[in-house]
Amino acid sequence: MQYMDDKKKQLKTGFLDPLMISQARYKEVARRHGEEYKDLDDAEFEKAVKQNQRKKMKVMAAYIGRAMYNHVQHGKDLIIAPHHFK
């Protein structure tokens, strides 16, 4: 549903920030030559990348929860989460 459609239907709509919930936000391209990864072997490198992704996903989940709670508290009838995943 587009922004103008819910205006016509008289719905109070809340939108989540697409930059906060995008795949690029939590899927990092880990470079082996980065400062925090340069002294790790392959197994430790993979483990460190997965831990970093989990942390970022927890931050994203917390944002979604807070945003939904705030939208409901402000009386929104509809919450839209525009996103783009591959």
Protein backbone atom coordinates (compact mmCIF):
# COMPACT_ATOMS: atom_id res chain seq x y z
CA MET A 1 0.00 0.00 0.00
CA GLN A 2 1.37 3.38 -0.93
CA TYR A 3 1.38 6.51 1.19
CA MET A 4 -1.38 8.17 -0.84
CA ASP A 5 -3.61 5.07 -0.67
CA ASP A 6 -3.76 5.12 3.12
CA LYS A 7 -4.42 8.88 3.08
CA LYS A 8 -7.46 8.23 0.88
CA LYS A 9 -8.65 5.46 3.21
CA GLN A 10 -8.13 7.64 6.30
CA LEU A 11 -5.69 5.22 7.92
CA LYS A 12 -3.03 6.40 10.33
CA THR A 13 0.12 4.80 8.99
CA GLY A 14 3.54 4.35 10.52
CA PHE A 15 6.61 3.52 8.48
CA LEU A 16 9.76 1.71 9.57
CA ASP A 17 13.03 3.16 8.35
CA PRO A 18 14.12 1.06 5.34
CA LEU A 19 17.77 1.85 6.00
CA MET A 20 17.54 0.37 9.49
CA ILE A 21 15.97 -2.91 8.35
CA SER A 22 17.82 -3.49 5.09
CA GLN A 23 19.93 -6.55 4.48
CA ALA A 24 23.00 -4.39 3.94
CA ARG A 25 22.63 -3.14 7.51
CA TYR A 26 23.46 -6.51 9.08
CA LYS A 27 25.19 -8.43 6.28
CA GLU A 28 28.69 -7.07 6.21
CA VAL A 29 31.34 -7.91 3.70
CA ALA A 30 34.11 -9.02 6.02
CA ARG A 31 37.55 -8.43 4.69
CA ARG A 32 40.30 -10.70 5.82
CA HIS A 33 42.74 -7.79 5.93
CA GLY A 34 40.70 -5.70 8.37
CA GLU A 35 42.27 -4.62 11.64
CA GLU A 36 40.10 -6.83 13.86
CA TYR A 37 40.45 -9.92 11.64
CA LYS A 38 44.07 -9.91 10.53
CA ASP A 39 45.42 -12.14 13.34
CA LEU A 40 42.66 -14.80 13.16
CA ASP A 41 42.78 -18.16 11.46
CA ASP A 42 39.93 -19.32 9.18
CA ALA A 43 37.71 -20.86 11.87
CA GLU A 44 38.11 -17.90 14.21
CA PHE A 45 37.46 -15.51 11.32
CA GLU A 46 34.15 -17.21 10.44
CA LYS A 47 33.12 -17.28 14.09
CA ALA A 48 33.92 -13.58 14.55
CA VAL A 49 31.95 -12.63 11.42
CA LYS A 50 28.91 -14.62 12.58
CA GLN A 51 29.04 -13.06 16.04
CA ASN A 52 29.23 -9.60 14.52
CA GLN A 53 26.22 -10.35 12.28
CA ARG A 54 24.23 -11.64 15.27
CA LYS A 55 24.94 -8.44 17.18
CA LYS A 56 23.77 -6.35 14.25
CA MET A 57 20.61 -8.45 13.86
CA LYS A 58 19.81 -7.97 17.55
CA VAL A 59 20.14 -4.21 17.12
CA MET A 60 17.83 -4.38 14.10
CA ALA A 61 15.28 -6.51 15.98
CA ALA A 62 15.34 -4.08 18.90
CA TYR A 63 14.74 -1.19 16.49
CA ILE A 64 11.75 -2.96 14.92
CA GLY A 65 10.26 -3.73 18.33
CA ARG A 66 10.71 -0.17 19.59
CA ALA A 67 9.36 1.35 16.38
CA MET A 68 6.28 -0.88 16.38
CA TYR A 69 5.60 -0.12 20.04
CA ASN A 70 5.94 3.62 19.42
CA HIS A 71 3.65 3.50 16.39
CA VAL A 72 0.99 1.63 18.37
CA GLN A 73 1.30 4.10 21.24
CA HIS A 74 0.69 6.97 18.80
CA GLY A 75 -2.48 5.31 17.49
CA LYS A 76 -1.27 4.06 14.12
CA ASP A 77 -3.63 1.67 12.34
CA LEU A 78 -1.08 0.31 9.90
CA ILE A 79 2.69 -0.20 10.08
CA ILE A 80 4.58 -0.53 6.81
CA ALA A 81 8.10 -1.94 6.63
CA PRO A 82 9.55 -1.19 3.19
CA HIS A 83 12.54 -3.45 2.60
CA HIS A 84 14.64 -4.98 -0.12
CA PHE A 85 16.27 -8.36 0.37
CA LYS A 86 18.10 -10.37 -2.26
